[in-house]
């Protein structure tokens, strides 16, 4: 494990351990975050930890053309139960992602520093939110980073059943129409696997980034 300093640098990915832990330290500047994403690296750490950088092998991804929409979700989409928007409530989305408890997680990894860093990325056009609304209430959504034709998903939330899934499905369809070839889901979740996400070797993931990021 490499300890980072102020230099804008990451170690080679093959120096990551079996879980994908690559480096500790550094900062959350826009420049470092963009370098990280382009290199197949992302930050993920708890409130009481230093910044930890990961590059797991294999990588959990979704090819938009492989998106699975169940019959029940197709019905929800056609019922117009939710309204879909993009970049209408980024600040609210990241706040909800921070605050809403998750069964598999104690506390939150979305610290004030993470919020500030990704808000800056949003202001510069890199970080994007997708939202699900019921009337005027924000009930679900997700945010992540788009570089070229790659979208790096970061977190999602749901206050109403299926709201985040609806936002994700609608946004993946939108991304596909815009030429996006890959959604990075980072690490495995059963929820995203049910939507078509799969594991691919890190080397394959990096080659896709080099071509499309």
N, C-alpha and C. Protein backbone atom coordinates (compact mmCIF):
# COMPACT_ATOMS: atom_id res chain seq x y z
N UNK A 1 0.85 -1.20 0.00
CA UNK A 1 0.00 0.00 0.00
C UNK A 1 0.88 1.25 0.00
N UNK A 2 0.60 2.17 -0.90
CA UNK A 2 1.39 3.39 -1.07
C UNK A 2 0.75 4.54 -0.30
N UNK A 3 1.56 5.33 0.38
CA UNK A 3 1.10 6.54 1.04
C UNK A 3 1.31 7.72 0.10
N UNK A 4 0.23 8.40 -0.27
CA UNK A 4 0.32 9.51 -1.21
C UNK A 4 0.68 10.80 -0.50
N UNK A 5 1.38 11.69 -1.22
CA UNK A 5 1.67 13.02 -0.71
C UNK A 5 0.99 14.04 -1.61
N UNK A 6 1.54 15.24 -1.71
CA UNK A 6 0.90 16.30 -2.49
C UNK A 6 1.08 16.14 -4.00
N UNK A 7 1.98 15.26 -4.42
CA UNK A 7 2.19 15.07 -5.85
C UNK A 7 0.96 14.45 -6.50
N UNK A 8 0.67 14.88 -7.72
CA UNK A 8 -0.48 14.36 -8.46
C UNK A 8 -0.06 13.04 -9.12
N UNK A 9 -0.25 11.96 -8.37
CA UNK A 9 0.33 10.68 -8.77
C UNK A 9 -0.44 9.54 -8.12
N UNK A 10 -0.56 8.42 -8.85
CA UNK A 10 -1.05 7.17 -8.27
C UNK A 10 -0.10 6.05 -8.66
N UNK A 11 0.07 5.07 -7.79
CA UNK A 11 0.96 3.94 -8.12
C UNK A 11 0.33 3.05 -9.19
N UNK A 12 1.11 2.16 -9.81
CA UNK A 12 0.57 1.22 -10.79
C UNK A 12 -0.54 0.37 -10.18
N UNK A 13 -1.54 0.06 -10.97
CA UNK A 13 -2.69 -0.67 -10.46
C UNK A 13 -2.32 -2.07 -9.98
N UNK A 14 -1.29 -2.65 -10.55
CA UNK A 14 -0.92 -4.00 -10.13
C UNK A 14 -0.29 -4.05 -8.74
N UNK A 15 -0.12 -2.88 -8.12
CA UNK A 15 0.37 -2.85 -6.74
C UNK A 15 -0.77 -2.88 -5.73
N UNK A 16 -2.02 -2.89 -6.21
CA UNK A 16 -3.18 -3.00 -5.31
C UNK A 16 -3.22 -4.40 -4.70
N UNK A 17 -3.76 -4.50 -3.47
CA UNK A 17 -3.86 -5.81 -2.83
C UNK A 17 -5.06 -6.59 -3.40
N UNK A 18 -5.34 -7.75 -2.83
CA UNK A 18 -6.39 -8.62 -3.37
C UNK A 18 -7.77 -7.99 -3.33
N UNK A 19 -7.99 -7.11 -2.37
CA UNK A 19 -9.29 -6.46 -2.26
C UNK A 19 -9.39 -5.21 -3.13
N UNK A 20 -8.26 -4.80 -3.71
CA UNK A 20 -8.26 -3.62 -4.56
C UNK A 20 -7.73 -2.37 -3.90
N UNK A 21 -7.28 -2.48 -2.65
CA UNK A 21 -6.71 -1.32 -1.94
C UNK A 21 -5.40 -0.92 -2.61
N UNK A 22 -5.32 0.32 -3.06
CA UNK A 22 -4.17 0.77 -3.83
C UNK A 22 -3.30 1.77 -3.09
N UNK A 23 -3.93 2.77 -2.46
CA UNK A 23 -3.16 3.84 -1.83
C UNK A 23 -3.98 4.54 -0.77
N UNK A 24 -3.28 5.28 0.09
CA UNK A 24 -3.91 6.05 1.18
C UNK A 24 -3.33 7.46 1.15
N UNK A 25 -4.20 8.44 1.42
CA UNK A 25 -3.71 9.81 1.54
C UNK A 25 -4.02 10.65 0.32
N UNK A 26 -3.21 11.68 0.10
CA UNK A 26 -3.47 12.60 -0.98
C UNK A 26 -4.60 13.55 -0.62
N UNK A 27 -5.35 13.95 -1.62
CA UNK A 27 -6.44 14.91 -1.40
C UNK A 27 -7.59 14.60 -2.34
N UNK A 28 -8.64 15.41 -2.26
CA UNK A 28 -9.81 15.24 -3.11
C UNK A 28 -9.95 16.40 -4.09
N UNK A 29 -8.82 16.91 -4.55
CA UNK A 29 -8.87 18.00 -5.53
C UNK A 29 -9.50 17.50 -6.82
N UNK A 30 -10.05 18.42 -7.59
CA UNK A 30 -10.65 18.06 -8.87
C UNK A 30 -9.64 17.35 -9.75
N UNK A 31 -8.40 17.85 -9.77
CA UNK A 31 -7.37 17.27 -10.63
C UNK A 31 -7.07 15.83 -10.23
N UNK A 32 -6.97 15.56 -8.93
CA UNK A 32 -6.66 14.20 -8.50
C UNK A 32 -7.83 13.25 -8.75
N UNK A 33 -9.05 13.73 -8.51
CA UNK A 33 -10.21 12.88 -8.74
C UNK A 33 -10.34 12.52 -10.23
N UNK A 34 -10.13 13.47 -11.11
CA UNK A 34 -10.22 13.19 -12.54
C UNK A 34 -9.13 12.21 -12.97
N UNK A 35 -7.92 12.40 -12.44
CA UNK A 35 -6.83 11.46 -12.74
C UNK A 35 -7.20 10.06 -12.23
N UNK A 36 -7.79 10.00 -11.05
CA UNK A 36 -8.18 8.71 -10.48
C UNK A 36 -9.18 7.99 -11.39
N UNK A 37 -10.24 8.67 -11.77
CA UNK A 37 -11.26 8.02 -12.60
C UNK A 37 -10.69 7.58 -13.94
N UNK A 38 -9.90 8.44 -14.55
CA UNK A 38 -9.30 8.07 -15.84
C UNK A 38 -8.36 6.88 -15.71
N UNK A 39 -7.84 6.67 -14.50
CA UNK A 39 -6.89 5.58 -14.26
C UNK A 39 -7.55 4.32 -13.72
N UNK A 40 -8.87 4.34 -13.52
CA UNK A 40 -9.57 3.18 -12.98
C UNK A 40 -9.51 3.09 -11.47
N UNK A 41 -9.45 4.23 -10.80
CA UNK A 41 -9.30 4.31 -9.34
C UNK A 41 -10.44 5.15 -8.78
N UNK A 42 -10.89 4.84 -7.56
CA UNK A 42 -11.91 5.66 -6.92
C UNK A 42 -11.66 5.74 -5.42
N UNK A 43 -12.11 6.83 -4.77
CA UNK A 43 -11.97 6.95 -3.32
C UNK A 43 -13.16 6.32 -2.60
N UNK A 44 -12.87 5.66 -1.46
CA UNK A 44 -13.95 5.06 -0.68
C UNK A 44 -13.41 4.81 0.73
N UNK A 45 -13.96 5.51 1.69
CA UNK A 45 -13.45 5.41 3.06
C UNK A 45 -14.51 5.92 4.02
N UNK A 46 -14.37 5.55 5.29
CA UNK A 46 -15.32 5.97 6.32
C UNK A 46 -14.89 7.29 6.94
N UNK A 47 -15.81 7.84 7.72
CA UNK A 47 -15.59 9.18 8.28
C UNK A 47 -14.33 9.26 9.16
N UNK A 48 -14.01 8.17 9.84
CA UNK A 48 -12.89 8.19 10.78
C UNK A 48 -11.58 7.69 10.16
N UNK A 49 -11.53 7.62 8.82
CA UNK A 49 -10.35 7.12 8.13
C UNK A 49 -9.72 8.20 7.24
N UNK A 50 -8.45 8.02 6.87
CA UNK A 50 -7.87 8.88 5.83
C UNK A 50 -8.48 8.51 4.49
N UNK A 51 -8.19 9.29 3.45
CA UNK A 51 -8.68 8.97 2.10
C UNK A 51 -8.05 7.66 1.65
N UNK A 52 -8.89 6.73 1.19
CA UNK A 52 -8.42 5.44 0.71
C UNK A 52 -8.82 5.29 -0.75
N UNK A 53 -7.86 4.86 -1.57
CA UNK A 53 -8.08 4.74 -3.02
C UNK A 53 -8.08 3.27 -3.42
N UNK A 54 -9.04 2.90 -4.29
CA UNK A 54 -9.26 1.50 -4.65
C UNK A 54 -9.24 1.30 -6.16
N UNK A 55 -8.82 0.11 -6.56
CA UNK A 55 -8.93 -0.33 -7.95
C UNK A 55 -9.09 -1.85 -7.95
N UNK A 56 -10.31 -2.33 -7.71
CA UNK A 56 -10.53 -3.78 -7.57
C UNK A 56 -10.38 -4.53 -8.89
N UNK A 57 -10.02 -5.79 -8.76
CA UNK A 57 -9.92 -6.69 -9.90
C UNK A 57 -10.53 -8.03 -9.48
N UNK A 58 -11.67 -8.43 -10.09
CA UNK A 58 -12.32 -7.82 -11.25
C UNK A 58 -13.12 -6.56 -10.90
N UNK A 59 -13.61 -5.90 -11.94
CA UNK A 59 -14.38 -4.67 -11.78
C UNK A 59 -15.84 -4.94 -12.12
N UNK A 60 -16.74 -4.34 -11.33
CA UNK A 60 -18.18 -4.54 -11.51
C UNK A 60 -18.71 -3.42 -12.40
N UNK A 61 -19.23 -3.78 -13.57
CA UNK A 61 -19.64 -2.78 -14.56
C UNK A 61 -20.98 -3.17 -15.19
N UNK A 62 -21.58 -2.19 -15.86
CA UNK A 62 -22.78 -2.45 -16.65
C UNK A 62 -22.57 -1.90 -18.05
N UNK A 63 -22.71 -2.77 -19.04
CA UNK A 63 -22.76 -2.31 -20.43
C UNK A 63 -24.20 -1.90 -20.70
N UNK A 64 -24.46 -0.65 -21.08
CA UNK A 64 -25.85 -0.19 -21.22
C UNK A 64 -26.73 -1.08 -22.08
N UNK A 65 -26.14 -1.70 -23.10
CA UNK A 65 -26.94 -2.57 -23.96
C UNK A 65 -27.39 -3.83 -23.24
N UNK A 66 -26.77 -4.14 -22.09
CA UNK A 66 -27.14 -5.33 -21.31
C UNK A 66 -28.08 -5.01 -20.16
N UNK A 67 -28.58 -3.79 -20.10
CA UNK A 67 -29.50 -3.39 -19.03
C UNK A 67 -30.72 -4.31 -19.00
N UNK A 68 -31.03 -4.81 -17.81
CA UNK A 68 -32.19 -5.68 -17.62
C UNK A 68 -33.31 -4.87 -16.94
N UNK A 69 -34.45 -4.80 -17.59
CA UNK A 69 -35.61 -4.13 -17.01
C UNK A 69 -36.69 -5.19 -16.82
N UNK A 70 -36.97 -5.53 -15.57
CA UNK A 70 -37.96 -6.57 -15.29
C UNK A 70 -39.35 -6.14 -15.74
N UNK A 71 -40.24 -7.11 -15.85
CA UNK A 71 -41.61 -6.79 -16.25
C UNK A 71 -42.28 -5.85 -15.25
N UNK A 72 -41.97 -6.07 -13.96
CA UNK A 72 -42.57 -5.20 -12.94
C UNK A 72 -42.06 -3.77 -13.07
N UNK A 73 -40.76 -3.62 -13.40
CA UNK A 73 -40.23 -2.27 -13.59
C UNK A 73 -40.74 -1.64 -14.88
N UNK A 74 -40.91 -2.44 -15.90
CA UNK A 74 -41.49 -1.91 -17.14
C UNK A 74 -42.88 -1.34 -16.87
N UNK A 75 -43.63 -2.05 -16.03
CA UNK A 75 -44.97 -1.60 -15.68
C UNK A 75 -44.91 -0.27 -14.93
N UNK A 76 -43.97 -0.15 -13.98
CA UNK A 76 -43.82 1.08 -13.21
C UNK A 76 -43.45 2.25 -14.12
N UNK A 77 -42.54 1.99 -15.06
CA UNK A 77 -42.13 3.05 -16.00
C UNK A 77 -43.34 3.51 -16.82
N UNK A 78 -44.13 2.57 -17.31
CA UNK A 78 -45.26 2.92 -18.16
C UNK A 78 -46.42 3.56 -17.40
N UNK A 79 -46.45 3.33 -16.08
CA UNK A 79 -47.51 3.94 -15.26
C UNK A 79 -47.24 5.42 -14.98
N UNK A 80 -46.02 5.87 -15.26
CA UNK A 80 -45.62 7.27 -15.00
C UNK A 80 -45.78 7.62 -13.52
N UNK A 81 -45.48 6.65 -12.67
CA UNK A 81 -45.55 6.89 -11.22
C UNK A 81 -44.50 7.93 -10.81
N UNK A 82 -43.34 7.87 -11.47
CA UNK A 82 -42.25 8.78 -11.17
C UNK A 82 -41.98 9.70 -12.36
N UNK A 83 -41.42 10.86 -12.04
CA UNK A 83 -40.94 11.80 -13.06
C UNK A 83 -39.42 11.81 -13.02
N UNK A 84 -38.79 11.76 -14.19
CA UNK A 84 -37.34 11.65 -14.28
C UNK A 84 -36.71 12.98 -14.71
N UNK A 85 -35.62 13.36 -14.04
CA UNK A 85 -34.86 14.55 -14.44
C UNK A 85 -33.36 14.28 -14.30
N UNK A 86 -32.58 15.13 -14.92
CA UNK A 86 -31.12 15.07 -14.83
C UNK A 86 -30.60 16.42 -14.36
N UNK A 87 -29.76 16.41 -13.35
CA UNK A 87 -29.07 17.61 -12.86
C UNK A 87 -30.03 18.70 -12.37
N UNK A 88 -31.17 18.30 -11.84
CA UNK A 88 -32.10 19.29 -11.28
C UNK A 88 -31.94 19.44 -9.77
N UNK A 89 -31.26 18.48 -9.11
CA UNK A 89 -31.18 18.54 -7.64
C UNK A 89 -29.92 17.83 -7.15
N UNK A 90 -28.76 18.19 -7.73
CA UNK A 90 -27.53 17.49 -7.37
C UNK A 90 -27.24 17.58 -5.87
N UNK A 91 -27.35 18.75 -5.30
CA UNK A 91 -27.05 18.94 -3.88
C UNK A 91 -27.95 18.08 -3.00
N UNK A 92 -29.24 18.03 -3.34
CA UNK A 92 -30.18 17.21 -2.58
C UNK A 92 -29.88 15.72 -2.73
N UNK A 93 -29.52 15.30 -3.94
CA UNK A 93 -29.24 13.89 -4.19
C UNK A 93 -28.06 13.42 -3.34
N UNK A 94 -26.97 14.16 -3.37
CA UNK A 94 -25.80 13.72 -2.62
C UNK A 94 -26.07 13.77 -1.12
N UNK A 95 -26.88 14.71 -0.68
CA UNK A 95 -27.24 14.79 0.74
C UNK A 95 -28.08 13.58 1.15
N UNK A 96 -29.04 13.21 0.32
CA UNK A 96 -29.85 12.03 0.62
C UNK A 96 -29.01 10.76 0.59
N UNK A 97 -28.08 10.67 -0.37
CA UNK A 97 -27.21 9.49 -0.42
C UNK A 97 -26.39 9.37 0.86
N UNK A 98 -26.05 10.51 1.43
CA UNK A 98 -25.29 10.52 2.68
C UNK A 98 -26.17 10.11 3.87
N UNK A 99 -27.39 10.61 3.91
CA UNK A 99 -28.21 10.50 5.12
C UNK A 99 -29.03 9.23 5.24
N UNK A 100 -29.43 8.63 4.12
CA UNK A 100 -30.34 7.49 4.19
C UNK A 100 -29.58 6.24 4.57
N UNK A 101 -29.97 5.55 5.66
CA UNK A 101 -29.24 4.37 6.13
C UNK A 101 -29.29 3.21 5.13
N UNK A 102 -28.24 2.38 5.15
CA UNK A 102 -28.17 1.20 4.30
C UNK A 102 -27.93 -0.02 5.18
N UNK A 103 -28.57 -1.12 4.84
CA UNK A 103 -28.49 -2.33 5.66
C UNK A 103 -27.06 -2.81 5.84
N UNK A 104 -26.27 -2.74 4.75
CA UNK A 104 -24.93 -3.33 4.79
C UNK A 104 -23.86 -2.34 5.25
N UNK A 105 -24.27 -1.16 5.68
CA UNK A 105 -23.29 -0.12 5.94
C UNK A 105 -23.55 0.56 7.28
N UNK A 106 -22.49 0.73 8.05
CA UNK A 106 -22.59 1.47 9.31
C UNK A 106 -22.00 2.87 9.09
N UNK A 107 -22.81 3.89 9.35
CA UNK A 107 -22.34 5.24 9.11
C UNK A 107 -22.37 5.54 7.62
N UNK A 108 -21.57 6.51 7.19
CA UNK A 108 -21.56 6.91 5.79
C UNK A 108 -20.14 7.18 5.33
N UNK A 109 -19.88 6.91 4.05
CA UNK A 109 -18.59 7.25 3.48
C UNK A 109 -18.64 8.62 2.81
N UNK A 110 -19.85 9.20 2.71
CA UNK A 110 -19.97 10.51 2.07
C UNK A 110 -19.76 11.58 3.14
N UNK A 111 -18.51 11.93 3.34
CA UNK A 111 -18.13 12.93 4.33
C UNK A 111 -18.36 14.33 3.78
N UNK A 112 -18.30 15.37 4.63
CA UNK A 112 -18.37 16.74 4.10
C UNK A 112 -17.33 17.02 3.03
N UNK A 113 -16.14 16.43 3.19
CA UNK A 113 -15.09 16.63 2.17
C UNK A 113 -15.49 16.01 0.84
N UNK A 114 -16.10 14.82 0.89
CA UNK A 114 -16.60 14.18 -0.34
C UNK A 114 -17.70 15.05 -0.97
N UNK A 115 -18.62 15.53 -0.15
CA UNK A 115 -19.69 16.39 -0.67
C UNK A 115 -19.13 17.61 -1.37
N UNK A 116 -18.18 18.26 -0.73
CA UNK A 116 -17.59 19.47 -1.32
C UNK A 116 -16.86 19.15 -2.62
N UNK A 117 -16.10 18.06 -2.62
CA UNK A 117 -15.31 17.70 -3.80
C UNK A 117 -16.21 17.38 -5.00
N UNK A 118 -17.28 16.63 -4.76
CA UNK A 118 -18.14 16.25 -5.88
C UNK A 118 -19.06 17.39 -6.30
N UNK A 119 -19.37 18.28 -5.38
CA UNK A 119 -20.11 19.48 -5.75
C UNK A 119 -19.27 20.34 -6.69
N UNK A 120 -17.97 20.44 -6.42
CA UNK A 120 -17.08 21.16 -7.34
C UNK A 120 -17.03 20.48 -8.70
N UNK A 121 -16.96 19.15 -8.70
CA UNK A 121 -16.98 18.42 -9.97
C UNK A 121 -18.29 18.69 -10.73
N UNK A 122 -19.39 18.77 -9.99
CA UNK A 122 -20.68 19.06 -10.61
C UNK A 122 -20.68 20.47 -11.21
N UNK A 123 -20.15 21.42 -10.49
CA UNK A 123 -20.12 22.80 -10.97
C UNK A 123 -19.27 22.94 -12.23
N UNK A 124 -18.31 22.02 -12.39
CA UNK A 124 -17.45 22.05 -13.57
C UNK A 124 -17.94 21.11 -14.68
N UNK A 125 -19.11 20.50 -14.46
CA UNK A 125 -19.73 19.70 -15.50
C UNK A 125 -19.36 18.24 -15.52
N UNK A 126 -18.60 17.77 -14.53
CA UNK A 126 -18.18 16.37 -14.52
C UNK A 126 -19.12 15.47 -13.73
N UNK A 127 -19.56 15.92 -12.57
CA UNK A 127 -20.45 15.11 -11.73
C UNK A 127 -21.91 15.41 -12.09
N UNK A 128 -22.70 14.36 -12.16
CA UNK A 128 -24.07 14.45 -12.67
C UNK A 128 -25.01 13.73 -11.72
N UNK A 129 -26.21 14.27 -11.58
CA UNK A 129 -27.24 13.58 -10.79
C UNK A 129 -28.41 13.23 -11.70
N UNK A 130 -29.07 12.14 -11.36
CA UNK A 130 -30.32 11.74 -12.02
C UNK A 130 -31.36 11.55 -10.93
N UNK A 131 -32.56 12.06 -11.16
CA UNK A 131 -33.55 12.13 -10.09
C UNK A 131 -34.88 11.48 -10.46
N UNK A 132 -35.54 10.95 -9.43
CA UNK A 132 -36.91 10.45 -9.54
C UNK A 132 -37.79 11.27 -8.60
N UNK A 133 -38.90 11.77 -9.11
CA UNK A 133 -39.80 12.63 -8.34
C UNK A 133 -41.19 12.03 -8.30
N UNK A 134 -41.88 12.27 -7.19
CA UNK A 134 -43.32 12.06 -7.10
C UNK A 134 -43.92 13.43 -6.82
N UNK A 135 -44.57 13.97 -7.84
CA UNK A 135 -45.00 15.36 -7.72
C UNK A 135 -43.79 16.26 -7.62
N UNK A 136 -43.71 17.04 -6.56
CA UNK A 136 -42.57 17.93 -6.35
C UNK A 136 -41.58 17.38 -5.33
N UNK A 137 -41.80 16.14 -4.88
CA UNK A 137 -40.91 15.55 -3.88
C UNK A 137 -39.85 14.67 -4.54
N UNK A 138 -38.60 14.90 -4.17
CA UNK A 138 -37.50 14.07 -4.63
C UNK A 138 -37.51 12.76 -3.84
N UNK A 139 -37.73 11.64 -4.51
CA UNK A 139 -37.90 10.37 -3.80
C UNK A 139 -36.82 9.34 -4.13
N UNK A 140 -35.97 9.63 -5.08
CA UNK A 140 -34.90 8.71 -5.43
C UNK A 140 -33.93 9.36 -6.39
N UNK A 141 -32.74 8.76 -6.49
CA UNK A 141 -31.78 9.31 -7.43
C UNK A 141 -30.40 8.71 -7.27
N UNK A 142 -29.49 9.20 -8.07
CA UNK A 142 -28.11 8.73 -8.05
C UNK A 142 -27.21 9.86 -8.54
N UNK A 143 -25.92 9.72 -8.25
CA UNK A 143 -24.96 10.66 -8.82
C UNK A 143 -23.68 9.92 -9.17
N UNK A 144 -22.91 10.53 -10.04
CA UNK A 144 -21.65 9.94 -10.46
C UNK A 144 -20.89 10.92 -11.33
N UNK A 145 -19.87 10.43 -11.99
CA UNK A 145 -18.97 11.26 -12.79
C UNK A 145 -18.98 10.74 -14.22
N UNK A 146 -19.12 11.66 -15.17
CA UNK A 146 -19.04 11.27 -16.57
C UNK A 146 -17.79 11.86 -17.20
N UNK A 147 -17.01 10.98 -17.82
CA UNK A 147 -15.83 11.39 -18.57
C UNK A 147 -15.91 10.73 -19.94
N UNK A 148 -16.04 11.52 -20.98
CA UNK A 148 -16.19 10.95 -22.31
C UNK A 148 -17.41 10.07 -22.39
N UNK A 149 -17.23 8.85 -22.85
CA UNK A 149 -18.35 7.92 -22.96
C UNK A 149 -18.35 6.86 -21.88
N UNK A 150 -17.87 7.25 -20.70
CA UNK A 150 -17.91 6.39 -19.52
C UNK A 150 -18.63 7.14 -18.40
N UNK A 151 -19.52 6.44 -17.69
CA UNK A 151 -20.14 7.01 -16.50
C UNK A 151 -19.71 6.20 -15.29
N UNK A 152 -19.18 6.88 -14.29
CA UNK A 152 -18.72 6.24 -13.06
C UNK A 152 -19.76 6.48 -11.97
N UNK A 153 -20.55 5.47 -11.67
CA UNK A 153 -21.57 5.61 -10.64
C UNK A 153 -20.97 5.67 -9.25
N UNK A 154 -21.51 6.54 -8.41
CA UNK A 154 -20.98 6.71 -7.06
C UNK A 154 -21.95 6.24 -5.98
N UNK A 155 -23.17 6.72 -6.00
CA UNK A 155 -24.11 6.33 -4.95
C UNK A 155 -25.53 6.60 -5.42
N UNK A 156 -26.48 5.90 -4.80
CA UNK A 156 -27.89 6.15 -5.09
C UNK A 156 -28.71 6.05 -3.81
N UNK A 157 -29.90 6.60 -3.84
CA UNK A 157 -30.78 6.54 -2.67
C UNK A 157 -32.21 6.35 -3.12
N UNK A 158 -33.04 5.89 -2.19
CA UNK A 158 -34.46 5.73 -2.47
C UNK A 158 -35.25 5.98 -1.20
N UNK A 159 -36.24 6.85 -1.30
CA UNK A 159 -37.16 7.10 -0.19
C UNK A 159 -38.47 6.35 -0.40
N UNK A 160 -38.70 5.92 -1.63
CA UNK A 160 -39.90 5.18 -2.01
C UNK A 160 -39.45 3.96 -2.80
N UNK A 161 -40.10 2.85 -2.59
CA UNK A 161 -39.72 1.61 -3.27
C UNK A 161 -39.61 1.81 -4.78
N UNK A 162 -38.49 1.33 -5.33
CA UNK A 162 -38.20 1.34 -6.77
C UNK A 162 -37.83 2.70 -7.34
N UNK A 163 -37.76 3.73 -6.52
CA UNK A 163 -37.46 5.07 -7.05
C UNK A 163 -36.04 5.15 -7.60
N UNK A 164 -35.06 4.65 -6.85
CA UNK A 164 -33.68 4.72 -7.33
C UNK A 164 -33.50 3.82 -8.55
N UNK A 165 -34.17 2.67 -8.56
CA UNK A 165 -34.08 1.75 -9.70
C UNK A 165 -34.66 2.42 -10.95
N UNK A 166 -35.77 3.13 -10.78
CA UNK A 166 -36.37 3.87 -11.89
C UNK A 166 -35.40 4.91 -12.43
N UNK A 167 -34.79 5.70 -11.53
CA UNK A 167 -33.85 6.73 -11.96
C UNK A 167 -32.66 6.12 -12.68
N UNK A 168 -32.16 5.01 -12.16
CA UNK A 168 -31.01 4.33 -12.76
C UNK A 168 -31.35 3.83 -14.16
N UNK A 169 -32.48 3.16 -14.30
CA UNK A 169 -32.89 2.63 -15.61
C UNK A 169 -33.05 3.75 -16.62
N UNK A 170 -33.74 4.80 -16.22
CA UNK A 170 -33.96 5.92 -17.15
C UNK A 170 -32.65 6.59 -17.54
N UNK A 171 -31.75 6.71 -16.58
CA UNK A 171 -30.49 7.38 -16.87
C UNK A 171 -29.59 6.51 -17.76
N UNK A 172 -29.56 5.22 -17.51
CA UNK A 172 -28.76 4.34 -18.37
C UNK A 172 -29.28 4.38 -19.81
N UNK A 173 -30.58 4.40 -19.97
CA UNK A 173 -31.15 4.53 -21.32
C UNK A 173 -30.73 5.84 -21.97
N UNK A 174 -30.73 6.91 -21.18
CA UNK A 174 -30.31 8.22 -21.68
C UNK A 174 -28.83 8.18 -22.08
N UNK A 175 -28.00 7.59 -21.21
CA UNK A 175 -26.57 7.49 -21.51
C UNK A 175 -26.32 6.70 -22.78
N UNK A 176 -27.04 5.60 -22.94
CA UNK A 176 -26.86 4.78 -24.13
C UNK A 176 -27.20 5.57 -25.39
N UNK A 177 -28.24 6.38 -25.32
CA UNK A 177 -28.63 7.19 -26.48
C UNK A 177 -27.57 8.25 -26.80
N UNK A 178 -26.74 8.58 -25.80
CA UNK A 178 -25.69 9.58 -26.00
C UNK A 178 -24.34 8.95 -26.34
N UNK A 179 -24.31 7.63 -26.47
CA UNK A 179 -23.09 6.96 -26.88
C UNK A 179 -22.23 6.41 -25.76
N UNK A 180 -22.71 6.47 -24.53
CA UNK A 180 -21.94 5.92 -23.41
C UNK A 180 -21.87 4.40 -23.54
N UNK A 181 -20.65 3.86 -23.39
CA UNK A 181 -20.44 2.42 -23.62
C UNK A 181 -20.33 1.61 -22.33
N UNK A 182 -20.12 2.30 -21.19
CA UNK A 182 -19.90 1.56 -19.95
C UNK A 182 -20.31 2.39 -18.74
N UNK A 183 -21.00 1.75 -17.80
CA UNK A 183 -21.29 2.34 -16.49
C UNK A 183 -20.46 1.58 -15.47
N UNK A 184 -19.56 2.29 -14.79
CA UNK A 184 -18.73 1.67 -13.75
C UNK A 184 -19.54 1.59 -12.46
N UNK A 185 -19.77 0.38 -11.98
CA UNK A 185 -20.50 0.18 -10.72
C UNK A 185 -19.55 -0.10 -9.56
N UNK A 186 -18.25 -0.17 -9.85
CA UNK A 186 -17.18 -0.28 -8.86
C UNK A 186 -17.12 -1.64 -8.18
N UNK A 187 -18.02 -1.88 -7.22
CA UNK A 187 -17.98 -3.14 -6.46
C UNK A 187 -19.36 -3.81 -6.50
N UNK A 188 -19.35 -5.10 -6.31
CA UNK A 188 -20.55 -5.91 -6.50
C UNK A 188 -21.68 -5.54 -5.54
N UNK A 189 -22.89 -5.45 -6.09
CA UNK A 189 -24.11 -5.45 -5.29
C UNK A 189 -25.14 -6.32 -6.00
N UNK A 190 -25.92 -7.04 -5.24
CA UNK A 190 -26.96 -7.89 -5.81
C UNK A 190 -27.98 -7.05 -6.58
N UNK A 191 -28.26 -5.86 -6.06
CA UNK A 191 -29.23 -4.95 -6.68
C UNK A 191 -28.83 -4.62 -8.11
N UNK A 192 -27.56 -4.24 -8.31
CA UNK A 192 -27.11 -3.87 -9.65
C UNK A 192 -26.92 -5.08 -10.55
N UNK A 193 -26.58 -6.22 -9.96
CA UNK A 193 -26.48 -7.43 -10.76
C UNK A 193 -27.85 -7.76 -11.38
N UNK A 194 -28.92 -7.52 -10.62
CA UNK A 194 -30.27 -7.80 -11.12
C UNK A 194 -30.63 -6.90 -12.30
N UNK A 195 -29.89 -5.78 -12.44
CA UNK A 195 -30.13 -4.84 -13.54
C UNK A 195 -29.18 -5.08 -14.71
N UNK A 196 -28.33 -6.10 -14.59
CA UNK A 196 -27.48 -6.46 -15.72
C UNK A 196 -26.00 -6.23 -15.53
N UNK A 197 -25.58 -5.73 -14.36
CA UNK A 197 -24.16 -5.49 -14.13
C UNK A 197 -23.41 -6.81 -14.01
N UNK A 198 -22.13 -6.79 -14.34
CA UNK A 198 -21.32 -8.00 -14.35
C UNK A 198 -19.87 -7.67 -13.99
N UNK A 199 -19.12 -8.71 -13.66
CA UNK A 199 -17.70 -8.57 -13.37
C UNK A 199 -16.88 -8.72 -14.65
N UNK A 200 -15.89 -7.84 -14.84
CA UNK A 200 -14.95 -8.01 -15.94
C UNK A 200 -13.54 -7.82 -15.38
N UNK A 201 -12.52 -8.41 -16.02
CA UNK A 201 -11.15 -8.22 -15.54
C UNK A 201 -10.75 -6.74 -15.55
N UNK A 202 -9.97 -6.34 -14.56
CA UNK A 202 -9.54 -4.93 -14.49
C UNK A 202 -8.81 -4.50 -15.75
N UNK A 203 -7.99 -5.37 -16.32
CA UNK A 203 -7.26 -5.01 -17.54
C UNK A 203 -8.22 -4.66 -18.67
N UNK A 204 -9.33 -5.41 -18.78
CA UNK A 204 -10.33 -5.10 -19.81
C UNK A 204 -10.98 -3.75 -19.53
N UNK A 205 -11.26 -3.50 -18.27
CA UNK A 205 -11.86 -2.23 -17.86
C UNK A 205 -10.94 -1.06 -18.23
N UNK A 206 -9.64 -1.19 -17.95
CA UNK A 206 -8.69 -0.12 -18.24
C UNK A 206 -8.60 0.13 -19.74
N UNK A 207 -8.62 -0.93 -20.54
CA UNK A 207 -8.57 -0.75 -22.00
C UNK A 207 -9.79 0.02 -22.50
N UNK A 208 -10.95 -0.24 -21.92
CA UNK A 208 -12.16 0.50 -22.29
C UNK A 208 -12.02 1.98 -21.90
N UNK A 209 -11.45 2.23 -20.70
CA UNK A 209 -11.25 3.61 -20.28
C UNK A 209 -10.32 4.34 -21.26
N UNK A 210 -9.23 3.70 -21.64
CA UNK A 210 -8.26 4.34 -22.54
C UNK A 210 -8.90 4.72 -23.86
N UNK A 211 -9.84 3.93 -24.30
CA UNK A 211 -10.47 4.18 -25.59
C UNK A 211 -11.62 5.19 -25.52
N UNK A 212 -12.35 5.18 -24.42
CA UNK A 212 -13.60 5.94 -24.38
C UNK A 212 -13.66 7.03 -23.32
N UNK A 213 -12.68 7.13 -22.44
CA UNK A 213 -12.75 8.09 -21.35
C UNK A 213 -12.19 9.44 -21.81
